Amino acid sequence: MVTDSFYAALLLLALFVSGAVVAAAAAPEWQCPPTKEDALGPFYKPNAPVRSSVDKGYVLEGVVKSARDCAAIPGAKIEFWLAGPDGNYDDAHRAAVLADKSGAYRFESNFPPKYTFRPPHIHVKVTAPGFRDLVTQHYPRKGEKQGTFDLVLVPAG
């Protein structure tokens, strides 16, 4: 004998499966996986000065791309902020650069120091028309003098 509980369970299963299918159909398929977002942190200040270097010892470079088709995003604004060698955040260690016509960028700084509960890191914020803002962080490894960090943005809307 089939009970009402059986039909209720069957209905729930059908709803679950149809919801999963709709969710899968709605999820975009990106040609390039978007860059993982990370914390903005308490030390972000807008309007960083446009300059490609704030110190010496570590070079970070990469390409800003669209998740949709991996195409370069020329003119994207990339903002950086990090602690100085003394472990404090200050205006001297803030900068903004614009991606060139091939989406490439280059930024030079000191190797970021570690401080209480945080590994060495450089904060990054990327903005470009037609794309969602990206806030992330780059974590260089001890002893590295150069890093590559491609920034893949999700289209807006």
N, C-alpha and C. Protein backbone atom coordinates (compact mmCIF):
# COMPACT_ATOMS: atom_id res chain seq x y z
N MET A 1 0.84 -1.17 0.00
CA MET A 1 0.00 0.00 0.00
C MET A 1 0.89 1.25 0.00
N VAL A 2 0.59 2.19 -0.87
CA VAL A 2 1.34 3.44 -0.98
C VAL A 2 0.70 4.46 -0.04
N THR A 3 1.54 5.11 0.75
CA THR A 3 1.02 6.06 1.74
C THR A 3 1.23 7.49 1.29
N ASP A 4 0.58 8.40 2.01
CA ASP A 4 0.77 9.83 1.74
C ASP A 4 2.23 10.24 1.94
N SER A 5 2.92 9.60 2.89
CA SER A 5 4.33 9.92 3.14
C SER A 5 5.18 9.59 1.92
N PHE A 6 4.83 8.48 1.24
CA PHE A 6 5.56 8.10 0.04
C PHE A 6 5.43 9.19 -1.02
N TYR A 7 4.19 9.67 -1.25
CA TYR A 7 3.97 10.72 -2.24
C TYR A 7 4.65 12.03 -1.84
N ALA A 8 4.65 12.32 -0.56
CA ALA A 8 5.31 13.54 -0.08
C ALA A 8 6.82 13.44 -0.33
N ALA A 9 7.40 12.28 -0.06
CA ALA A 9 8.83 12.08 -0.29
C ALA A 9 9.15 12.16 -1.78
N LEU A 10 8.28 11.59 -2.60
CA LEU A 10 8.47 11.63 -4.05
C LEU A 10 8.40 13.06 -4.56
N LEU A 11 7.46 13.84 -4.04
CA LEU A 11 7.33 15.24 -4.43
C LEU A 11 8.58 16.03 -4.02
N LEU A 12 9.07 15.81 -2.81
CA LEU A 12 10.28 16.49 -2.36
C LEU A 12 11.47 16.14 -3.24
N LEU A 13 11.59 14.88 -3.61
CA LEU A 13 12.67 14.45 -4.47
C LEU A 13 12.58 15.14 -5.83
N ALA A 14 11.38 15.20 -6.39
CA ALA A 14 11.18 15.85 -7.69
C ALA A 14 11.54 17.33 -7.61
N LEU A 15 11.13 17.99 -6.54
CA LEU A 15 11.45 19.41 -6.37
C LEU A 15 12.95 19.62 -6.23
N PHE A 16 13.60 18.75 -5.48
CA PHE A 16 15.04 18.85 -5.29
C PHE A 16 15.78 18.69 -6.61
N VAL A 17 15.41 17.65 -7.37
CA VAL A 17 16.07 17.39 -8.65
C VAL A 17 15.82 18.53 -9.63
N SER A 18 14.59 19.02 -9.72
CA SER A 18 14.30 20.11 -10.66
C SER A 18 15.02 21.38 -10.23
N GLY A 19 15.12 21.63 -8.94
CA GLY A 19 15.85 22.81 -8.46
C GLY A 19 17.33 22.71 -8.78
N ALA A 20 17.90 21.53 -8.66
CA ALA A 20 19.31 21.34 -8.98
C ALA A 20 19.56 21.54 -10.46
N VAL A 21 18.63 21.07 -11.29
CA VAL A 21 18.77 21.25 -12.74
C VAL A 21 18.68 22.73 -13.10
N VAL A 22 17.74 23.45 -12.51
CA VAL A 22 17.61 24.89 -12.78
C VAL A 22 18.86 25.62 -12.31
N ALA A 23 19.37 25.28 -11.13
CA ALA A 23 20.57 25.94 -10.61
C ALA A 23 21.76 25.67 -11.52
N ALA A 24 21.89 24.44 -12.00
CA ALA A 24 22.99 24.10 -12.88
C ALA A 24 22.87 24.84 -14.21
N ALA A 25 21.65 24.98 -14.70
CA ALA A 25 21.44 25.68 -15.97
C ALA A 25 21.72 27.17 -15.81
N ALA A 26 21.47 27.72 -14.62
CA ALA A 26 21.66 29.15 -14.40
C ALA A 26 23.11 29.51 -14.12
N ALA A 27 23.92 28.55 -13.67
CA ALA A 27 25.32 28.83 -13.34
C ALA A 27 26.11 29.04 -14.63
N PRO A 28 26.81 30.17 -14.73
CA PRO A 28 27.58 30.43 -15.95
C PRO A 28 28.79 29.50 -16.04
N GLU A 29 29.16 29.18 -17.24
CA GLU A 29 30.37 28.41 -17.46
C GLU A 29 31.43 29.37 -17.93
N TRP A 30 32.45 29.55 -17.11
CA TRP A 30 33.52 30.49 -17.44
C TRP A 30 34.63 29.77 -18.19
N GLN A 31 35.20 30.44 -19.17
CA GLN A 31 36.36 29.91 -19.88
C GLN A 31 37.61 29.99 -19.00
N CYS A 32 37.66 31.02 -18.14
CA CYS A 32 38.76 31.18 -17.17
C CYS A 32 38.15 31.20 -15.77
N PRO A 33 38.65 30.41 -14.86
CA PRO A 33 38.11 30.44 -13.50
C PRO A 33 38.36 31.80 -12.84
N PRO A 34 37.33 32.41 -12.26
CA PRO A 34 37.51 33.72 -11.61
C PRO A 34 38.50 33.64 -10.45
N THR A 35 39.21 34.74 -10.24
CA THR A 35 40.13 34.83 -9.11
C THR A 35 39.34 34.77 -7.81
N LYS A 36 39.87 34.03 -6.86
CA LYS A 36 39.22 33.89 -5.55
C LYS A 36 39.20 35.24 -4.83
N GLU A 37 38.03 35.58 -4.30
CA GLU A 37 37.92 36.82 -3.53
C GLU A 37 38.50 36.60 -2.15
N ASP A 38 38.95 37.70 -1.54
CA ASP A 38 39.53 37.65 -0.21
C ASP A 38 39.12 38.91 0.54
N ALA A 39 39.51 39.00 1.78
CA ALA A 39 39.08 40.12 2.64
C ALA A 39 39.67 41.46 2.21
N LEU A 40 38.85 42.49 2.27
CA LEU A 40 39.31 43.85 2.00
C LEU A 40 40.28 44.30 3.08
N GLY A 41 39.99 43.93 4.31
CA GLY A 41 40.84 44.34 5.43
C GLY A 41 40.52 45.76 5.86
N PRO A 42 41.02 46.16 7.02
CA PRO A 42 40.67 47.47 7.58
C PRO A 42 41.50 48.64 7.05
N PHE A 43 42.51 48.37 6.21
CA PHE A 43 43.43 49.45 5.85
C PHE A 43 43.27 49.98 4.43
N TYR A 44 42.21 49.58 3.72
CA TYR A 44 41.99 50.10 2.37
C TYR A 44 41.62 51.57 2.43
N LYS A 45 42.24 52.35 1.55
CA LYS A 45 41.88 53.76 1.36
C LYS A 45 41.74 53.99 -0.13
N PRO A 46 40.63 54.58 -0.57
CA PRO A 46 40.46 54.84 -2.01
C PRO A 46 41.45 55.89 -2.51
N ASN A 47 41.54 56.00 -3.81
CA ASN A 47 42.36 57.01 -4.48
C ASN A 47 43.85 56.86 -4.22
N ALA A 48 44.34 55.64 -4.33
CA ALA A 48 45.78 55.41 -4.20
C ALA A 48 46.49 56.13 -5.35
N PRO A 49 47.68 56.65 -5.10
CA PRO A 49 48.42 57.33 -6.16
C PRO A 49 48.79 56.36 -7.29
N VAL A 50 48.74 56.86 -8.52
CA VAL A 50 49.11 56.04 -9.67
C VAL A 50 50.64 55.99 -9.74
N ARG A 51 51.17 54.80 -9.51
CA ARG A 51 52.61 54.57 -9.57
C ARG A 51 52.82 53.06 -9.57
N SER A 52 53.87 52.61 -10.22
CA SER A 52 54.09 51.17 -10.34
C SER A 52 55.08 50.63 -9.32
N SER A 53 55.64 51.50 -8.49
CA SER A 53 56.61 51.05 -7.50
C SER A 53 56.45 51.84 -6.21
N VAL A 54 56.53 51.14 -5.08
CA VAL A 54 56.51 51.81 -3.78
C VAL A 54 57.76 51.46 -2.97
N ASP A 55 58.55 50.51 -3.46
CA ASP A 55 59.75 50.08 -2.75
C ASP A 55 60.47 49.08 -3.66
N LYS A 56 61.49 48.44 -3.17
CA LYS A 56 62.25 47.45 -3.95
C LYS A 56 62.26 46.12 -3.21
N GLY A 57 62.46 45.04 -3.98
CA GLY A 57 62.65 43.73 -3.37
C GLY A 57 61.65 42.67 -3.81
N TYR A 58 60.47 43.09 -4.31
CA TYR A 58 59.48 42.11 -4.76
C TYR A 58 58.70 42.69 -5.94
N VAL A 59 58.60 41.91 -7.01
CA VAL A 59 57.87 42.32 -8.21
C VAL A 59 56.68 41.39 -8.39
N LEU A 60 55.51 41.98 -8.56
CA LEU A 60 54.28 41.23 -8.82
C LEU A 60 53.78 41.64 -10.19
N GLU A 61 53.52 40.66 -11.03
CA GLU A 61 53.00 40.96 -12.37
C GLU A 61 51.99 39.91 -12.78
N GLY A 62 51.19 40.27 -13.77
CA GLY A 62 50.18 39.35 -14.26
C GLY A 62 49.34 40.00 -15.33
N VAL A 63 48.23 39.37 -15.64
CA VAL A 63 47.32 39.85 -16.68
C VAL A 63 45.91 39.89 -16.10
N VAL A 64 45.18 40.95 -16.40
CA VAL A 64 43.78 41.06 -16.00
C VAL A 64 42.95 40.53 -17.16
N LYS A 65 42.07 39.54 -16.86
CA LYS A 65 41.30 38.86 -17.90
C LYS A 65 39.84 38.75 -17.51
N SER A 66 39.02 38.50 -18.53
CA SER A 66 37.59 38.23 -18.33
C SER A 66 37.38 36.74 -18.09
N ALA A 67 36.55 36.41 -17.11
CA ALA A 67 36.21 35.01 -16.86
C ALA A 67 35.42 34.43 -18.04
N ARG A 68 34.66 35.28 -18.73
CA ARG A 68 33.80 34.81 -19.82
C ARG A 68 34.60 34.13 -20.91
N ASP A 69 35.66 34.79 -21.40
CA ASP A 69 36.38 34.28 -22.56
C ASP A 69 37.90 34.38 -22.45
N CYS A 70 38.39 34.71 -21.28
CA CYS A 70 39.83 34.85 -21.02
C CYS A 70 40.46 36.03 -21.76
N ALA A 71 39.65 36.91 -22.33
CA ALA A 71 40.18 38.07 -23.05
C ALA A 71 40.79 39.07 -22.07
N ALA A 72 41.84 39.72 -22.52
CA ALA A 72 42.49 40.75 -21.71
C ALA A 72 41.52 41.90 -21.45
N ILE A 73 41.70 42.55 -20.31
CA ILE A 73 40.89 43.72 -19.97
C ILE A 73 41.83 44.92 -19.87
N PRO A 74 42.09 45.59 -21.01
CA PRO A 74 42.97 46.75 -20.98
C PRO A 74 42.34 47.88 -20.18
N GLY A 75 43.19 48.64 -19.49
CA GLY A 75 42.70 49.80 -18.74
C GLY A 75 42.12 49.47 -17.38
N ALA A 76 42.08 48.19 -17.00
CA ALA A 76 41.59 47.85 -15.65
C ALA A 76 42.47 48.55 -14.62
N LYS A 77 41.84 49.03 -13.56
CA LYS A 77 42.59 49.70 -12.49
C LYS A 77 42.88 48.69 -11.39
N ILE A 78 44.16 48.55 -11.05
CA ILE A 78 44.57 47.62 -10.01
C ILE A 78 45.17 48.44 -8.87
N GLU A 79 44.57 48.33 -7.69
CA GLU A 79 45.07 49.04 -6.51
C GLU A 79 45.77 48.04 -5.59
N PHE A 80 46.87 48.48 -5.01
CA PHE A 80 47.66 47.65 -4.09
C PHE A 80 47.85 48.39 -2.79
N TRP A 81 47.84 47.66 -1.69
CA TRP A 81 48.26 48.22 -0.40
C TRP A 81 48.82 47.09 0.44
N LEU A 82 49.87 47.41 1.16
CA LEU A 82 50.56 46.41 1.98
C LEU A 82 51.28 47.11 3.12
N ALA A 83 51.68 46.32 4.08
CA ALA A 83 52.45 46.86 5.20
C ALA A 83 53.88 47.14 4.73
N GLY A 84 54.45 48.19 5.27
CA GLY A 84 55.85 48.49 4.99
C GLY A 84 56.75 47.54 5.76
N PRO A 85 58.06 47.66 5.57
CA PRO A 85 59.00 46.77 6.26
C PRO A 85 58.84 46.76 7.78
N ASP A 86 58.33 47.86 8.35
CA ASP A 86 58.14 47.94 9.80
C ASP A 86 56.85 47.26 10.27
N GLY A 87 56.05 46.72 9.32
CA GLY A 87 54.82 46.02 9.68
C GLY A 87 53.60 46.91 9.78
N ASN A 88 53.75 48.20 9.48
CA ASN A 88 52.63 49.14 9.55
C ASN A 88 52.16 49.53 8.15
N TYR A 89 50.86 49.77 8.03
CA TYR A 89 50.29 50.27 6.78
C TYR A 89 50.44 51.78 6.76
N ASP A 90 50.83 52.32 5.60
CA ASP A 90 50.95 53.77 5.46
C ASP A 90 50.74 54.14 4.00
N ASP A 91 50.61 55.44 3.74
CA ASP A 91 50.36 55.90 2.37
C ASP A 91 51.52 55.60 1.43
N ALA A 92 52.72 55.46 1.97
CA ALA A 92 53.88 55.17 1.13
C ALA A 92 53.80 53.78 0.49
N HIS A 93 52.96 52.91 1.01
CA HIS A 93 52.84 51.55 0.49
C HIS A 93 51.47 51.29 -0.13
N ARG A 94 50.95 52.33 -0.78
CA ARG A 94 49.70 52.24 -1.54
C ARG A 94 50.00 52.67 -2.96
N ALA A 95 49.38 52.02 -3.92
CA ALA A 95 49.61 52.38 -5.32
C ALA A 95 48.46 51.88 -6.18
N ALA A 96 48.35 52.47 -7.36
CA ALA A 96 47.39 52.01 -8.37
C ALA A 96 48.12 51.99 -9.71
N VAL A 97 47.83 50.97 -10.51
CA VAL A 97 48.35 50.89 -11.87
C VAL A 97 47.19 50.57 -12.80
N LEU A 98 47.38 50.87 -14.07
CA LEU A 98 46.39 50.52 -15.09
C LEU A 98 46.96 49.41 -15.96
N ALA A 99 46.13 48.42 -16.25
CA ALA A 99 46.56 47.35 -17.14
C ALA A 99 46.81 47.92 -18.53
N ASP A 100 47.85 47.45 -19.20
CA ASP A 100 48.16 47.95 -20.53
C ASP A 100 47.21 47.34 -21.57
N LYS A 101 47.49 47.59 -22.85
CA LYS A 101 46.56 47.14 -23.91
C LYS A 101 46.43 45.62 -23.99
N SER A 102 47.41 44.90 -23.43
CA SER A 102 47.30 43.43 -23.41
C SER A 102 46.81 42.92 -22.05
N GLY A 103 46.35 43.86 -21.19
CA GLY A 103 45.84 43.49 -19.87
C GLY A 103 46.92 43.27 -18.82
N ALA A 104 48.18 43.45 -19.20
CA ALA A 104 49.30 43.18 -18.29
C ALA A 104 49.50 44.32 -17.30
N TYR A 105 50.00 43.95 -16.12
CA TYR A 105 50.37 44.94 -15.11
C TYR A 105 51.66 44.50 -14.45
N ARG A 106 52.32 45.46 -13.78
CA ARG A 106 53.55 45.19 -13.03
C ARG A 106 53.56 46.13 -11.83
N PHE A 107 53.91 45.59 -10.66
CA PHE A 107 53.96 46.37 -9.42
C PHE A 107 55.18 45.92 -8.63
N GLU A 108 55.94 46.90 -8.12
CA GLU A 108 57.12 46.58 -7.33
C GLU A 108 56.99 47.15 -5.93
N SER A 109 57.38 46.35 -4.94
CA SER A 109 57.28 46.76 -3.54
C SER A 109 58.35 46.03 -2.73
N ASN A 110 58.36 46.30 -1.44
CA ASN A 110 59.14 45.48 -0.52
C ASN A 110 58.45 44.11 -0.41
N PHE A 111 59.20 43.11 0.04
CA PHE A 111 58.55 41.84 0.35
C PHE A 111 57.67 42.11 1.56
N PRO A 112 56.37 41.80 1.48
CA PRO A 112 55.49 42.15 2.59
C PRO A 112 55.84 41.39 3.87
N PRO A 113 55.88 42.08 4.99
CA PRO A 113 56.21 41.40 6.24
C PRO A 113 55.01 40.62 6.77
N LYS A 114 55.29 39.60 7.55
CA LYS A 114 54.19 38.96 8.26
C LYS A 114 54.00 39.73 9.56
N TYR A 115 52.80 39.68 10.06
CA TYR A 115 52.54 40.29 11.37
C TYR A 115 51.54 39.42 12.09
N THR A 116 51.18 39.76 13.30
CA THR A 116 50.36 38.92 14.16
C THR A 116 49.21 38.26 13.40
N PHE A 117 49.22 36.95 13.41
CA PHE A 117 48.17 36.11 12.83
C PHE A 117 48.03 36.21 11.31
N ARG A 118 48.93 36.88 10.61
CA ARG A 118 48.81 37.02 9.15
C ARG A 118 50.12 36.65 8.47
N PRO A 119 50.04 35.85 7.41
CA PRO A 119 51.24 35.59 6.60
C PRO A 119 51.53 36.81 5.73
N PRO A 120 52.71 36.89 5.12
CA PRO A 120 52.99 37.99 4.20
C PRO A 120 51.93 38.04 3.10
N HIS A 121 51.44 39.25 2.79
CA HIS A 121 50.40 39.38 1.77
C HIS A 121 50.36 40.80 1.21
N ILE A 122 49.82 40.90 0.01
CA ILE A 122 49.58 42.19 -0.66
C ILE A 122 48.10 42.23 -0.99
N HIS A 123 47.42 43.27 -0.55
CA HIS A 123 46.00 43.44 -0.86
C HIS A 123 45.88 43.97 -2.29
N VAL A 124 44.84 43.51 -2.99
CA VAL A 124 44.62 43.90 -4.38
C VAL A 124 43.13 44.16 -4.59
N LYS A 125 42.84 45.29 -5.24
CA LYS A 125 41.46 45.59 -5.65
C LYS A 125 41.49 45.95 -7.13
N VAL A 126 40.62 45.31 -7.91
CA VAL A 126 40.59 45.53 -9.36
C VAL A 126 39.21 46.03 -9.76
N THR A 127 39.19 47.10 -10.56
CA THR A 127 37.93 47.63 -11.09
C THR A 127 38.07 47.83 -12.60
N ALA A 128 36.98 47.55 -13.31
CA ALA A 128 36.95 47.74 -14.76
C ALA A 128 35.49 47.86 -15.18
N PRO A 129 35.18 48.78 -16.09
CA PRO A 129 33.79 48.91 -16.56
C PRO A 129 33.29 47.59 -17.14
N GLY A 130 32.06 47.23 -16.77
CA GLY A 130 31.44 46.01 -17.28
C GLY A 130 31.77 44.76 -16.48
N PHE A 131 32.53 44.93 -15.38
CA PHE A 131 32.92 43.79 -14.56
C PHE A 131 32.67 44.07 -13.09
N ARG A 132 32.44 43.00 -12.33
CA ARG A 132 32.32 43.15 -10.88
C ARG A 132 33.68 43.48 -10.29
N ASP A 133 33.69 44.35 -9.28
CA ASP A 133 34.93 44.65 -8.59
C ASP A 133 35.47 43.36 -7.97
N LEU A 134 36.78 43.26 -7.94
CA LEU A 134 37.43 42.11 -7.32
C LEU A 134 38.32 42.60 -6.19
N VAL A 135 38.15 42.04 -5.01
CA VAL A 135 39.04 42.28 -3.88
C VAL A 135 39.67 40.94 -3.55
N THR A 136 40.99 40.90 -3.54
CA THR A 136 41.69 39.65 -3.27
C THR A 136 43.01 39.96 -2.58
N GLN A 137 43.81 38.95 -2.35
CA GLN A 137 45.13 39.13 -1.77
C GLN A 137 46.11 38.18 -2.44
N HIS A 138 47.33 38.64 -2.56
CA HIS A 138 48.42 37.81 -3.09
C HIS A 138 49.31 37.42 -1.91
N TYR A 139 49.66 36.13 -1.83
CA TYR A 139 50.47 35.62 -0.73
C TYR A 139 51.81 35.10 -1.27
N PRO A 140 52.85 35.93 -1.27
CA PRO A 140 54.14 35.45 -1.77
C PRO A 140 54.77 34.45 -0.79
N ARG A 141 55.58 33.58 -1.35
CA ARG A 141 56.28 32.60 -0.51
C ARG A 141 57.61 33.19 -0.03
N LYS A 142 58.01 32.75 1.14
CA LYS A 142 59.26 33.22 1.73
C LYS A 142 60.41 33.02 0.74
N GLY A 143 61.21 34.05 0.58
CA GLY A 143 62.38 33.98 -0.29
C GLY A 143 62.12 34.36 -1.73
N GLU A 144 60.86 34.45 -2.14
CA GLU A 144 60.56 34.83 -3.53
C GLU A 144 60.88 36.31 -3.75
N LYS A 145 61.33 36.61 -4.94
CA LYS A 145 61.59 38.01 -5.31
C LYS A 145 60.61 38.48 -6.38
N GLN A 146 59.86 37.53 -6.93
CA GLN A 146 58.92 37.84 -8.01
C GLN A 146 57.75 36.87 -7.95
N GLY A 147 56.56 37.38 -8.31
CA GLY A 147 55.38 36.54 -8.35
C GLY A 147 54.51 36.88 -9.54
N THR A 148 53.75 35.91 -9.99
CA THR A 148 52.78 36.11 -11.07
C THR A 148 51.40 35.89 -10.48
N PHE A 149 50.51 36.84 -10.74
CA PHE A 149 49.15 36.76 -10.18
C PHE A 149 48.18 37.29 -11.23
N ASP A 150 47.61 36.39 -12.05
CA ASP A 150 46.60 36.81 -13.02
C ASP A 150 45.31 37.10 -12.27
N LEU A 151 44.62 38.13 -12.70
CA LEU A 151 43.40 38.59 -12.05
C LEU A 151 42.24 38.40 -13.02
N VAL A 152 41.36 37.46 -12.71
CA VAL A 152 40.26 37.10 -13.62
C VAL A 152 38.95 37.63 -13.05
N LEU A 153 38.33 38.55 -13.79
CA LEU A 153 37.13 39.25 -13.34
C LEU A 153 35.86 38.63 -13.91
N VAL A 154 34.80 38.69 -13.11
CA VAL A 154 33.48 38.21 -13.52
C VAL A 154 32.71 39.37 -14.15
N PRO A 155 32.12 39.15 -15.33
CA PRO A 155 31.31 40.21 -15.94
C PRO A 155 30.17 40.65 -15.03
N ALA A 156 29.85 41.93 -15.08
CA ALA A 156 28.74 42.47 -14.27
C ALA A 156 27.42 41.95 -14.82
N GLY A 157 26.44 41.88 -13.91
CA GLY A 157 25.09 41.51 -14.34
C GLY A 157 24.92 40.10 -14.47
